[in-house]
């Protein structure tokens, strides 16, 4: 099932966010886990998803306050 953002855009995977930011997947995961880059885990899934608008804002330095993702068990 395809995940969509609040704006209706398809959510990005770690790979897609990394490609857009021109960084590694590990770098993206680390920033998400530290709370610097907001990501989302849907119930029942261990995959990390990113709102494209948020990733674009992050790349422009426009994100301010973010809460870290809960650690998965």
Protein backbone atom coordinates (compact mmCIF):
# COMPACT_ATOMS: atom_id res chain seq x y z
CA UNK A 1 0.00 0.00 0.00
CA UNK A 2 1.33 3.41 -0.97
CA UNK A 3 1.67 5.90 1.89
CA UNK A 4 0.66 9.52 1.25
CA UNK A 5 1.52 12.72 3.09
CA UNK A 6 -0.95 15.27 4.42
CA UNK A 7 -0.50 17.25 1.20
CA UNK A 8 -1.45 14.17 -0.83
CA UNK A 9 2.06 13.49 -2.16
CA UNK A 10 3.43 9.97 -2.01
CA UNK A 11 5.69 9.56 1.03
CA UNK A 12 9.38 8.93 0.33
CA UNK A 13 11.41 5.96 1.44
CA UNK A 14 14.80 6.32 3.13
CA UNK A 15 16.43 5.75 -0.27
CA UNK A 16 14.37 8.46 -1.97
CA UNK A 17 15.04 10.97 0.81
CA UNK A 18 18.76 10.12 0.67
CA UNK A 19 18.81 10.57 -3.10
CA UNK A 20 17.10 13.96 -2.86
CA UNK A 21 19.46 15.13 -0.11
CA UNK A 22 22.48 13.56 -1.85
CA UNK A 23 23.40 11.77 1.36
CA UNK A 24 23.67 8.11 2.35
CA UNK A 25 20.73 6.09 3.65
CA UNK A 26 22.61 5.67 6.94
CA UNK A 27 22.94 9.46 7.26
CA UNK A 28 19.18 9.90 6.70
CA UNK A 29 18.30 7.19 9.26
CA UNK A 30 20.67 8.71 11.82
CA UNK A 31 19.19 12.21 11.39
CA UNK A 32 15.68 10.78 11.70
CA UNK A 33 16.53 8.81 14.84
CA UNK A 34 18.18 11.89 16.37
CA UNK A 35 15.05 13.93 15.63
CA UNK A 36 16.70 16.27 13.14
CA UNK A 37 14.80 14.98 10.10
CA UNK A 38 11.16 14.10 10.79
CA UNK A 39 10.16 10.66 9.62
CA UNK A 40 7.17 8.42 10.24
CA UNK A 41 6.68 4.75 10.97
CA UNK A 42 3.18 3.51 10.22
CA UNK A 43 1.57 1.03 12.65
CA UNK A 44 2.61 -2.51 11.86
CA UNK A 45 5.58 -1.42 9.75
CA UNK A 46 9.24 -1.01 10.58
CA UNK A 47 9.83 1.09 7.45
CA UNK A 48 10.65 4.74 7.81
CA UNK A 49 8.77 7.18 5.55
CA UNK A 50 9.36 10.86 4.84
CA UNK A 51 7.02 13.64 3.72
CA UNK A 52 8.63 15.13 0.58
CA UNK A 53 7.69 18.68 1.66
CA UNK A 54 9.48 18.15 4.98
CA UNK A 55 12.59 16.77 3.27
CA UNK A 56 12.64 19.78 0.93
CA UNK A 57 12.30 22.17 3.87
CA UNK A 58 15.08 20.31 5.71
CA UNK A 59 17.37 20.70 2.68
CA UNK A 60 16.74 24.46 2.72
CA UNK A 61 17.40 24.66 6.48
CA UNK A 62 13.80 25.62 7.21
CA UNK A 63 13.01 23.04 9.92
CA UNK A 64 13.08 24.28 13.49
CA UNK A 65 11.61 22.03 16.19
CA UNK A 66 11.38 18.28 15.76
CA UNK A 67 10.60 15.40 18.13
CA UNK A 68 12.69 12.23 17.84
CA UNK A 69 11.12 9.02 16.58
CA UNK A 70 10.42 6.41 19.24
CA UNK A 71 12.89 3.52 19.24
CA UNK A 72 11.46 0.38 17.70
CA UNK A 73 11.53 -2.79 19.76
